[in-house]
């Protein structure tokens, strides 16, 4: 048996494997057909936003909450999450046992928050944001929502990573 026989077999096997990568249209690679290949990627999230942020926002700075529960206090928390296909921004006031959430998308230094509970109907409010060390600030770019709760809460004070 010649030493060239095993090498020739390896070349034939390799060529067969490469040929199997193409489709009936010549040398084009086969298109993936799995569900995972067809799935849409999750939205990109600014990693510096992810986490829990806290601020003391007096209720006097959120006029649309003036008629809210008497147990509301000025200690607020927002949690910016990226779990699953829909990133979520959750706000919490433990004193008043209030909790709500919005979906959001980030593009550059802008975050678009979708408020399905806006009094004038679903609204997409756009904020610019800046993260410097452990401080997060928001500025309103566009707010089509008739009530200003989200805007007032997010823009009233700087948020500190909690």
N, C-alpha and C. Protein backbone atom coordinates (compact mmCIF):
# COMPACT_ATOMS: atom_id res chain seq x y z
N UNK A 1 0.82 -1.17 0.00
CA UNK A 1 0.00 0.00 0.00
C UNK A 1 0.88 1.25 0.00
N UNK A 2 0.58 2.20 -0.84
CA UNK A 2 1.37 3.40 -1.00
C UNK A 2 0.99 4.41 0.08
N UNK A 3 1.94 5.29 0.44
CA UNK A 3 1.67 6.36 1.40
C UNK A 3 0.74 7.42 0.81
N UNK A 4 0.60 7.43 -0.49
CA UNK A 4 -0.25 8.42 -1.13
C UNK A 4 -1.73 8.06 -1.05
N UNK A 5 -2.07 6.84 -0.83
CA UNK A 5 -3.47 6.43 -0.80
C UNK A 5 -4.25 7.14 0.30
N UNK A 6 -3.79 7.19 1.57
CA UNK A 6 -4.54 7.91 2.59
C UNK A 6 -4.68 9.39 2.26
N UNK A 7 -3.65 10.00 1.69
CA UNK A 7 -3.74 11.41 1.34
C UNK A 7 -4.78 11.63 0.26
N UNK A 8 -4.82 10.75 -0.71
CA UNK A 8 -5.80 10.87 -1.80
C UNK A 8 -7.21 10.73 -1.25
N UNK A 9 -7.39 9.84 -0.30
CA UNK A 9 -8.70 9.65 0.32
C UNK A 9 -9.10 10.92 1.07
N UNK A 10 -8.16 11.56 1.77
CA UNK A 10 -8.46 12.80 2.49
C UNK A 10 -8.88 13.91 1.53
N UNK A 11 -8.19 13.99 0.37
CA UNK A 11 -8.54 15.01 -0.61
C UNK A 11 -9.94 14.77 -1.15
N UNK A 12 -10.28 13.51 -1.44
CA UNK A 12 -11.61 13.18 -1.96
C UNK A 12 -12.68 13.50 -0.91
N UNK A 13 -12.43 13.16 0.35
CA UNK A 13 -13.38 13.44 1.43
C UNK A 13 -13.56 14.95 1.58
N UNK A 14 -12.47 15.71 1.55
CA UNK A 14 -12.56 17.16 1.70
C UNK A 14 -13.33 17.78 0.54
N UNK A 15 -13.08 17.33 -0.68
CA UNK A 15 -13.78 17.87 -1.84
C UNK A 15 -15.26 17.54 -1.78
N UNK A 16 -15.60 16.34 -1.30
CA UNK A 16 -17.00 15.95 -1.17
C UNK A 16 -17.69 16.83 -0.13
N UNK A 17 -17.00 17.09 0.97
CA UNK A 17 -17.57 17.93 2.02
C UNK A 17 -17.79 19.35 1.50
N UNK A 18 -16.82 19.89 0.76
CA UNK A 18 -16.99 21.23 0.21
C UNK A 18 -18.13 21.29 -0.80
N UNK A 19 -18.28 20.28 -1.60
CA UNK A 19 -19.36 20.25 -2.58
C UNK A 19 -20.72 20.22 -1.89
N UNK A 20 -20.78 19.59 -0.74
CA UNK A 20 -22.05 19.50 -0.01
C UNK A 20 -22.46 20.86 0.55
N UNK A 21 -21.51 21.81 0.67
CA UNK A 21 -21.84 23.14 1.18
C UNK A 21 -22.59 23.99 0.17
N UNK A 22 -22.50 23.68 -1.10
CA UNK A 22 -23.17 24.46 -2.12
C UNK A 22 -24.58 23.96 -2.36
N UNK A 23 -25.36 24.71 -3.18
CA UNK A 23 -26.69 24.24 -3.54
C UNK A 23 -26.70 23.91 -5.02
N UNK A 24 -27.83 23.79 -5.60
CA UNK A 24 -27.92 23.41 -7.01
C UNK A 24 -27.57 24.56 -7.94
N UNK A 25 -27.26 25.73 -7.43
CA UNK A 25 -26.93 26.90 -8.25
C UNK A 25 -25.43 27.12 -8.36
N UNK A 26 -24.65 26.10 -8.32
CA UNK A 26 -23.21 26.23 -8.47
C UNK A 26 -22.52 26.29 -7.12
N UNK A 27 -21.65 27.28 -6.94
CA UNK A 27 -20.83 27.36 -5.74
C UNK A 27 -21.44 28.20 -4.63
N UNK A 28 -22.67 28.66 -4.76
CA UNK A 28 -23.30 29.45 -3.70
C UNK A 28 -23.54 28.60 -2.47
N UNK A 29 -23.25 29.10 -1.28
CA UNK A 29 -23.52 28.32 -0.06
C UNK A 29 -25.02 28.16 0.15
N UNK A 30 -25.38 27.05 0.77
CA UNK A 30 -26.79 26.79 1.06
C UNK A 30 -27.30 27.82 2.06
N UNK A 31 -28.55 28.24 1.92
CA UNK A 31 -29.16 29.19 2.84
C UNK A 31 -29.64 28.46 4.08
N UNK A 32 -29.42 29.05 5.28
CA UNK A 32 -29.91 28.40 6.49
C UNK A 32 -31.42 28.35 6.51
N UNK A 33 -31.94 27.26 7.05
CA UNK A 33 -33.39 27.10 7.10
C UNK A 33 -33.93 26.93 8.50
N UNK A 34 -33.08 27.07 9.51
CA UNK A 34 -33.55 26.87 10.88
C UNK A 34 -34.30 28.10 11.37
N UNK A 35 -35.15 27.90 12.35
CA UNK A 35 -35.92 29.00 12.93
C UNK A 35 -34.98 30.02 13.57
N UNK A 36 -33.88 29.55 14.18
CA UNK A 36 -32.94 30.45 14.83
C UNK A 36 -32.30 31.38 13.80
N UNK A 37 -32.03 30.88 12.61
CA UNK A 37 -31.42 31.71 11.59
C UNK A 37 -32.39 32.77 11.09
N UNK A 38 -33.69 32.49 11.14
CA UNK A 38 -34.69 33.43 10.66
C UNK A 38 -35.13 34.42 11.73
N UNK A 39 -34.80 34.17 12.98
CA UNK A 39 -35.24 35.04 14.09
C UNK A 39 -34.61 36.41 13.96
N UNK A 40 -35.37 37.43 14.30
CA UNK A 40 -34.83 38.78 14.29
C UNK A 40 -33.99 39.00 15.52
N UNK A 41 -32.86 39.67 15.35
CA UNK A 41 -32.01 39.90 16.52
C UNK A 41 -32.69 40.86 17.48
N UNK A 42 -32.35 40.70 18.76
CA UNK A 42 -32.90 41.59 19.79
C UNK A 42 -32.38 43.00 19.54
N UNK A 43 -33.17 44.02 19.89
CA UNK A 43 -32.72 45.40 19.68
C UNK A 43 -31.43 45.67 20.44
N UNK A 44 -30.60 46.55 19.89
CA UNK A 44 -29.37 46.92 20.58
C UNK A 44 -29.72 47.82 21.74
N UNK A 45 -29.01 47.63 22.84
CA UNK A 45 -29.26 48.39 24.06
C UNK A 45 -27.95 49.04 24.49
N UNK A 46 -28.01 50.30 24.87
CA UNK A 46 -26.83 50.98 25.39
C UNK A 46 -26.50 50.36 26.75
N UNK A 47 -25.41 49.64 26.82
CA UNK A 47 -25.07 48.91 28.04
C UNK A 47 -24.92 49.81 29.26
N UNK A 48 -24.50 51.07 29.06
CA UNK A 48 -24.33 51.96 30.21
C UNK A 48 -25.66 52.31 30.86
N UNK A 49 -26.78 52.10 30.17
CA UNK A 49 -28.10 52.38 30.75
C UNK A 49 -28.62 51.24 31.63
N UNK A 50 -28.18 50.03 31.36
CA UNK A 50 -28.72 48.85 32.02
C UNK A 50 -28.43 48.89 33.52
N UNK A 51 -29.48 48.66 34.30
CA UNK A 51 -29.30 48.59 35.75
C UNK A 51 -30.40 49.33 36.48
N UNK A 52 -30.17 49.55 37.76
CA UNK A 52 -31.12 50.23 38.63
C UNK A 52 -30.59 51.62 38.94
N UNK A 53 -31.48 52.61 38.80
CA UNK A 53 -31.14 54.01 39.03
C UNK A 53 -32.13 54.58 40.06
N UNK A 54 -31.64 55.45 40.94
CA UNK A 54 -32.49 56.02 41.99
C UNK A 54 -32.40 57.54 41.99
N UNK A 55 -33.52 58.16 42.37
CA UNK A 55 -33.56 59.62 42.50
C UNK A 55 -34.62 60.00 43.51
N UNK A 56 -34.41 61.16 44.15
CA UNK A 56 -35.42 61.74 45.02
C UNK A 56 -36.10 62.83 44.22
N UNK A 57 -37.35 62.58 43.84
CA UNK A 57 -38.11 63.53 43.04
C UNK A 57 -39.34 63.91 43.84
N UNK A 58 -39.36 65.11 44.40
CA UNK A 58 -40.54 65.55 45.16
C UNK A 58 -41.78 65.54 44.28
N UNK A 59 -42.90 65.19 44.86
CA UNK A 59 -44.15 65.14 44.08
C UNK A 59 -44.52 66.49 43.49
N UNK A 60 -44.03 67.57 44.09
CA UNK A 60 -44.31 68.90 43.54
C UNK A 60 -43.70 69.06 42.15
N UNK A 61 -42.73 68.20 41.82
CA UNK A 61 -42.09 68.25 40.50
C UNK A 61 -42.77 67.32 39.49
N UNK A 62 -43.83 66.62 39.94
CA UNK A 62 -44.60 65.74 39.05
C UNK A 62 -46.07 66.13 39.20
N UNK A 63 -46.47 67.27 38.64
CA UNK A 63 -47.82 67.78 38.86
C UNK A 63 -48.94 66.80 38.52
N UNK A 64 -48.78 66.00 37.49
CA UNK A 64 -49.84 65.07 37.11
C UNK A 64 -50.04 63.94 38.11
N UNK A 65 -49.18 63.84 39.11
CA UNK A 65 -49.37 62.82 40.16
C UNK A 65 -49.91 63.43 41.45
N UNK A 66 -50.21 64.72 41.44
CA UNK A 66 -50.68 65.39 42.65
C UNK A 66 -51.91 64.72 43.24
N UNK A 67 -52.79 64.18 42.44
CA UNK A 67 -54.00 63.53 42.95
C UNK A 67 -53.80 62.05 43.20
N UNK A 68 -52.56 61.59 43.16
CA UNK A 68 -52.27 60.16 43.34
C UNK A 68 -52.37 59.73 44.78
N UNK A 69 -51.97 58.49 45.06
CA UNK A 69 -52.05 57.96 46.42
C UNK A 69 -51.29 58.85 47.42
N UNK A 70 -51.87 59.03 48.57
CA UNK A 70 -51.26 59.86 49.61
C UNK A 70 -49.96 59.25 50.12
N UNK A 71 -49.77 57.97 49.89
CA UNK A 71 -48.58 57.30 50.39
C UNK A 71 -47.36 57.46 49.48
N UNK A 72 -47.53 58.12 48.33
CA UNK A 72 -46.37 58.35 47.45
C UNK A 72 -45.31 59.14 48.20
N UNK A 73 -44.06 58.78 47.99
CA UNK A 73 -42.99 59.57 48.58
C UNK A 73 -42.06 60.03 47.46
N UNK A 74 -40.99 60.69 47.81
CA UNK A 74 -40.09 61.24 46.80
C UNK A 74 -39.00 60.27 46.36
N UNK A 75 -38.99 59.06 46.88
CA UNK A 75 -37.97 58.07 46.52
C UNK A 75 -38.44 57.24 45.33
N UNK A 76 -37.78 57.46 44.19
CA UNK A 76 -38.13 56.76 42.95
C UNK A 76 -36.97 55.89 42.50
N UNK A 77 -37.31 54.88 41.77
CA UNK A 77 -36.32 53.97 41.22
C UNK A 77 -36.74 53.64 39.80
N UNK A 78 -35.79 53.61 38.89
CA UNK A 78 -36.06 53.08 37.55
C UNK A 78 -35.11 51.93 37.32
N UNK A 79 -35.63 50.92 36.70
CA UNK A 79 -34.84 49.75 36.32
C UNK A 79 -34.87 49.68 34.81
N UNK A 80 -33.70 49.71 34.21
CA UNK A 80 -33.60 49.63 32.75
C UNK A 80 -33.08 48.23 32.45
N UNK A 81 -33.97 47.44 31.87
CA UNK A 81 -33.70 46.01 31.66
C UNK A 81 -33.58 45.70 30.18
N UNK A 82 -32.84 44.66 29.86
CA UNK A 82 -32.72 44.23 28.47
C UNK A 82 -33.09 42.77 28.30
N UNK A 83 -33.75 42.18 29.27
CA UNK A 83 -34.09 40.76 29.19
C UNK A 83 -35.17 40.53 28.13
N UNK A 84 -34.96 39.52 27.32
CA UNK A 84 -35.96 39.17 26.30
C UNK A 84 -35.86 40.05 25.07
N UNK A 85 -36.82 39.93 24.19
CA UNK A 85 -36.82 40.65 22.92
C UNK A 85 -37.26 42.09 23.07
N UNK A 86 -37.95 42.44 24.16
CA UNK A 86 -38.43 43.81 24.35
C UNK A 86 -37.77 44.41 25.58
N UNK A 87 -36.79 45.29 25.39
CA UNK A 87 -36.19 45.97 26.54
C UNK A 87 -37.26 46.76 27.29
N UNK A 88 -37.13 46.83 28.61
CA UNK A 88 -38.16 47.46 29.44
C UNK A 88 -37.54 48.46 30.41
N UNK A 89 -38.22 49.59 30.58
CA UNK A 89 -37.88 50.58 31.59
C UNK A 89 -39.00 50.53 32.61
N UNK A 90 -38.67 50.18 33.84
CA UNK A 90 -39.66 50.04 34.91
C UNK A 90 -39.44 51.15 35.92
N UNK A 91 -40.53 51.80 36.34
CA UNK A 91 -40.41 52.81 37.40
C UNK A 91 -41.11 52.28 38.64
N UNK A 92 -40.58 52.65 39.80
CA UNK A 92 -41.10 52.15 41.08
C UNK A 92 -41.10 53.27 42.11
N UNK A 93 -42.21 53.39 42.84
CA UNK A 93 -42.28 54.24 44.03
C UNK A 93 -42.80 53.31 45.12
N UNK A 94 -41.88 52.81 45.95
CA UNK A 94 -42.26 51.82 46.95
C UNK A 94 -43.17 52.39 48.03
N UNK A 95 -43.03 53.68 48.30
CA UNK A 95 -43.89 54.32 49.30
C UNK A 95 -45.35 54.25 48.90
N UNK A 96 -45.63 54.47 47.64
CA UNK A 96 -47.00 54.44 47.15
C UNK A 96 -47.35 53.14 46.48
N UNK A 97 -46.42 52.17 46.53
CA UNK A 97 -46.62 50.86 45.91
C UNK A 97 -47.04 51.02 44.45
N UNK A 98 -46.36 51.92 43.75
CA UNK A 98 -46.64 52.16 42.34
C UNK A 98 -45.51 51.55 41.52
N UNK A 99 -45.91 50.88 40.47
CA UNK A 99 -44.94 50.25 39.58
C UNK A 99 -45.54 50.27 38.18
N UNK A 100 -44.75 50.61 37.21
CA UNK A 100 -45.20 50.60 35.83
C UNK A 100 -44.02 50.36 34.92
N UNK A 101 -44.30 50.12 33.67
CA UNK A 101 -43.19 49.86 32.77
C UNK A 101 -43.49 50.26 31.34
N UNK A 102 -42.43 50.52 30.61
CA UNK A 102 -42.51 50.92 29.22
C UNK A 102 -41.50 50.12 28.42
N UNK A 103 -41.81 49.90 27.16
CA UNK A 103 -40.79 49.36 26.27
C UNK A 103 -39.98 50.54 25.76
N UNK A 104 -38.76 50.28 25.32
CA UNK A 104 -37.93 51.37 24.82
C UNK A 104 -36.99 50.86 23.74
N UNK A 105 -36.46 51.82 22.97
CA UNK A 105 -35.43 51.54 21.97
C UNK A 105 -34.39 52.64 22.11
N UNK A 106 -33.14 52.27 21.85
CA UNK A 106 -32.04 53.22 21.94
C UNK A 106 -31.38 53.36 20.58
N UNK A 107 -31.10 54.60 20.20
CA UNK A 107 -30.32 54.89 18.99
C UNK A 107 -29.37 56.02 19.35
N UNK A 108 -28.11 55.71 19.41
CA UNK A 108 -27.12 56.71 19.80
C UNK A 108 -27.37 57.18 21.22
N UNK A 109 -27.53 58.52 21.38
CA UNK A 109 -27.78 59.06 22.72
C UNK A 109 -29.25 59.38 22.92
N UNK A 110 -30.12 58.71 22.15
CA UNK A 110 -31.57 58.91 22.25
C UNK A 110 -32.24 57.62 22.71
N UNK A 111 -33.22 57.79 23.57
CA UNK A 111 -34.03 56.65 24.00
C UNK A 111 -35.48 57.01 23.72
N UNK A 112 -36.18 56.12 23.03
CA UNK A 112 -37.59 56.32 22.72
C UNK A 112 -38.39 55.40 23.63
N UNK A 113 -39.20 55.99 24.48
CA UNK A 113 -39.98 55.25 25.47
C UNK A 113 -41.42 55.18 24.97
N UNK A 114 -41.95 53.97 24.86
CA UNK A 114 -43.33 53.79 24.41
C UNK A 114 -44.23 53.64 25.63
N UNK A 115 -45.12 54.61 25.80
CA UNK A 115 -46.04 54.64 26.94
C UNK A 115 -47.43 54.24 26.45
N UNK A 116 -47.82 53.00 26.72
CA UNK A 116 -49.14 52.51 26.30
C UNK A 116 -50.26 53.05 27.17
N UNK A 117 -49.92 53.61 28.33
CA UNK A 117 -50.93 54.11 29.26
C UNK A 117 -51.07 55.62 29.25
N UNK A 118 -50.52 56.26 28.26
CA UNK A 118 -50.63 57.72 28.17
C UNK A 118 -52.11 58.09 28.08
N UNK A 119 -52.51 59.15 28.77
CA UNK A 119 -53.92 59.53 28.81
C UNK A 119 -54.48 59.89 27.43
N UNK A 120 -53.62 60.30 26.50
CA UNK A 120 -54.09 60.66 25.15
C UNK A 120 -53.87 59.52 24.16
N UNK A 121 -53.57 58.32 24.65
CA UNK A 121 -53.33 57.17 23.78
C UNK A 121 -51.85 56.83 23.74
N UNK A 122 -51.51 55.66 23.19
CA UNK A 122 -50.10 55.24 23.16
C UNK A 122 -49.21 56.34 22.56
N UNK A 123 -48.08 56.58 23.22
CA UNK A 123 -47.18 57.66 22.80
C UNK A 123 -45.73 57.19 22.84
N UNK A 124 -44.96 57.70 21.91
CA UNK A 124 -43.52 57.43 21.89
C UNK A 124 -42.80 58.74 22.23
N UNK A 125 -42.29 58.79 23.45
CA UNK A 125 -41.59 59.98 23.90
C UNK A 125 -40.10 59.77 23.70
N UNK A 126 -39.45 60.77 23.12
CA UNK A 126 -38.02 60.67 22.83
C UNK A 126 -37.25 61.56 23.81
N UNK A 127 -36.23 60.97 24.42
CA UNK A 127 -35.35 61.68 25.33
C UNK A 127 -33.92 61.54 24.84
N UNK A 128 -33.10 62.54 25.08
CA UNK A 128 -31.66 62.34 24.96
C UNK A 128 -31.21 61.94 26.36
N UNK A 129 -30.11 61.22 26.43
CA UNK A 129 -29.61 60.82 27.74
C UNK A 129 -28.10 60.94 27.76
N UNK A 130 -27.57 61.05 28.97
CA UNK A 130 -26.13 61.08 29.16
C UNK A 130 -25.82 60.30 30.43
N UNK A 131 -24.79 59.48 30.35
CA UNK A 131 -24.31 58.75 31.52
C UNK A 131 -22.89 59.23 31.78
N UNK A 132 -22.68 59.74 32.98
CA UNK A 132 -21.34 60.17 33.39
C UNK A 132 -21.05 59.54 34.73
N UNK A 133 -20.11 58.60 34.72
CA UNK A 133 -19.80 57.81 35.91
C UNK A 133 -21.07 57.09 36.37
N UNK A 134 -21.57 57.41 37.56
CA UNK A 134 -22.78 56.76 38.07
C UNK A 134 -23.99 57.68 38.04
N UNK A 135 -24.00 58.66 37.14
CA UNK A 135 -25.09 59.62 37.05
C UNK A 135 -25.72 59.55 35.65
N UNK A 136 -27.05 59.47 35.62
CA UNK A 136 -27.81 59.41 34.37
C UNK A 136 -28.77 60.60 34.32
N UNK A 137 -28.74 61.32 33.21
CA UNK A 137 -29.67 62.44 33.04
C UNK A 137 -30.43 62.27 31.73
N UNK A 138 -31.67 62.76 31.74
CA UNK A 138 -32.54 62.73 30.56
C UNK A 138 -32.95 64.16 30.23
N UNK A 139 -33.11 64.43 28.93
CA UNK A 139 -33.70 65.69 28.46
C UNK A 139 -34.74 65.33 27.41
N UNK A 140 -35.87 65.99 27.47
CA UNK A 140 -36.95 65.71 26.52
C UNK A 140 -36.61 66.25 25.14
N UNK A 141 -36.80 65.41 24.14
CA UNK A 141 -36.64 65.83 22.74
C UNK A 141 -38.02 66.03 22.13
N UNK A 142 -38.91 65.06 22.39
CA UNK A 142 -40.28 65.14 21.85
C UNK A 142 -41.19 64.33 22.75
N UNK A 143 -42.33 64.94 23.15
CA UNK A 143 -43.28 64.24 24.01
C UNK A 143 -44.71 64.48 23.50
N UNK A 144 -45.29 63.49 22.81
CA UNK A 144 -46.66 63.65 22.32
C UNK A 144 -47.73 63.29 23.35
N UNK A 145 -47.34 62.87 24.54
CA UNK A 145 -48.29 62.44 25.56
C UNK A 145 -48.91 63.66 26.25
N UNK A 146 -50.23 63.64 26.40
CA UNK A 146 -50.94 64.75 27.04
C UNK A 146 -50.53 64.92 28.50
N UNK A 147 -50.40 63.81 29.23
CA UNK A 147 -49.93 63.96 30.61
C UNK A 147 -48.40 63.91 30.57
N UNK A 148 -47.80 64.48 31.57
CA UNK A 148 -46.34 64.64 31.56
C UNK A 148 -45.63 63.81 32.63
N UNK A 149 -46.28 62.77 33.14
CA UNK A 149 -45.72 62.01 34.25
C UNK A 149 -44.34 61.45 33.90
N UNK A 150 -44.25 60.76 32.78
CA UNK A 150 -42.97 60.13 32.41
C UNK A 150 -41.90 61.20 32.23
N UNK A 151 -42.25 62.26 31.50
CA UNK A 151 -41.28 63.34 31.26
C UNK A 151 -40.84 63.98 32.56
N UNK A 152 -41.81 64.34 33.40
CA UNK A 152 -41.48 64.99 34.67
C UNK A 152 -40.61 64.10 35.55
N UNK A 153 -40.95 62.85 35.62
CA UNK A 153 -40.21 61.92 36.47
C UNK A 153 -38.78 61.74 35.97
N UNK A 154 -38.60 61.47 34.68
CA UNK A 154 -37.26 61.17 34.17
C UNK A 154 -36.35 62.39 34.11
N UNK A 155 -36.92 63.56 33.84
CA UNK A 155 -36.08 64.74 33.63
C UNK A 155 -35.91 65.62 34.86
N UNK A 156 -36.65 65.37 35.93
CA UNK A 156 -36.64 66.26 37.10
C UNK A 156 -35.27 66.35 37.77
N UNK A 157 -34.63 65.23 37.95
CA UNK A 157 -33.37 65.18 38.70
C UNK A 157 -32.42 64.18 38.05
N UNK A 158 -31.13 64.30 38.34
CA UNK A 158 -30.19 63.25 37.89
C UNK A 158 -30.48 61.96 38.64
N UNK A 159 -30.27 60.87 37.97
CA UNK A 159 -30.45 59.54 38.55
C UNK A 159 -29.08 58.98 38.91
N UNK A 160 -29.01 58.33 40.04
CA UNK A 160 -27.75 57.71 40.51
C UNK A 160 -27.88 56.19 40.44
N UNK A 161 -26.81 55.56 39.97
CA UNK A 161 -26.83 54.09 39.89
C UNK A 161 -27.02 53.54 41.30
N UNK A 162 -27.99 52.62 41.44
CA UNK A 162 -28.35 52.15 42.77
C UNK A 162 -27.97 50.78 43.09
